[in-house]
Amino acid sequence: MPSDLHPSGGWISLTAKEPWKIGSDSMVHSLANILGMASQRVLEKPYTISEYNHPYPNPFGAEAQPMLAIFGRLQGWDGIFQYSYNHYVDDFEPQAMPWCFFDLLARTDALAHFPACAAIFLRGDAREALQTVAAAADETACRDRTVASRSPAFSIGAAGHDTRLAALHRVGVTFSGVSSGEASKVPAEQRVFVSDTGEIVWNRERPGAAYLALRAPNTKLFTGFPDGRAIDLGHGVSLAVGATRLNWATVSLVSRHATGFGGEGRPASILLAATGDAGNAGRVMKQVDKAHITLTDRGHAPMLVEGIPAVLTLPADPARTTCYALDPRGERKAAVPVEATSGGAKIVIGPHSRTVWYEVVINKQGVNR
């Protein structure tokens, strides 16, 4: 759990009587959680991440699991575990965020991207890093340092390596005595980090408007602050997110049968999910200080989720492409227009569709309109 996003004070639940607060920023600006966890890995041992979440009501919580899946796959981690789906709520599908900060069962903004997370980590849609940065450590010295500091946070940073290398390569500590050479550094002024696979882009060019993008062949993902930019998601796919409440969004696309996104005339079935601000109806949020918020009223059902305005371009023949807004059960409820554009097929989504997810079908042959 990222320490600066963990609730403090009466943190056990949203209904605690003593005061509580929670971090209100997006982790995409620093990736501190990911870089820290990756840097502490012992390379000779299995590595899993347990109890991970960016808990409610942090407004950017939907970024958590995509980040974990993307970098967990890049780093070759053995398992990732979300925390938590349900703390003893009788209703399996509640219509409002229940009493616990950490529950995911009503987090529509987060759950909508779980198919993409599964494709990235379990199906292996993102590739593991091609290079490894190994920091050699003496086991006895590491143990003594851990005891003295009363902290297990021994990492590649303690050996002089730049922890930002975890955004580029597989990293970890080794007790075998074999390191990857002299301490590796990243230029202090570097603002764009592209993984050695070429699939992951962490962009910090604009202060306060960072983003993370995955450009894998069968799963695409954007999370962060678009700031008016058109984002190249690779393989002829581009995304332009419009104005949102937080100037932020998370958008994922999964080619369900791993056939790509319409390039080279190939058919495809695509799940598109787009989320932004989310919370219980009637909730009252209060800024405690510059970096923290609280809720003076947790609100009530239903859970409200922002509809995201965006333009998606696919390298597909628009005559063979259809798009549908989906209802809460994933059934088609309305057709979304598909237009011809210089890049192929253009799909415009937005709040008018009253949904967080869409189905895009690219057929082998033309469709009747």
Foldseek 3Di string as FASTA:
>chain_A
DPPQFQKDWQQFWQPRPTDIKGFQADCLQPVVVLLQQLFAAAVVDAAEAEAWFSWPPRQQGLVTLVVCLQLCQQQVHDYYYYFDADDPDPDQQDQADDIHRRHDSQVPQNVLCVVLSCCVRVVVLDHYAPDEFEQEDAPVVLVVVCVVVVHSRDGSVVSPADSCCSLAHHYYYYPPRDGPDHHYYDPPPDAWYAHNVRFWIWGRPDPPWIKIWGQGQFKIKIWTACPQPWADSDPLKIKGWDDDPVSIKIKMKGFPVSQGFAPPLTKTKIKIFMWGGKHAPPWAKADPDPTIIGTPRRHHDHIDIAWIWMKMATQHAQQQKWKFAADPVRHGDGTFDWDQDPSHIITTTTCVSVHRMMIMTGDSDGDDD
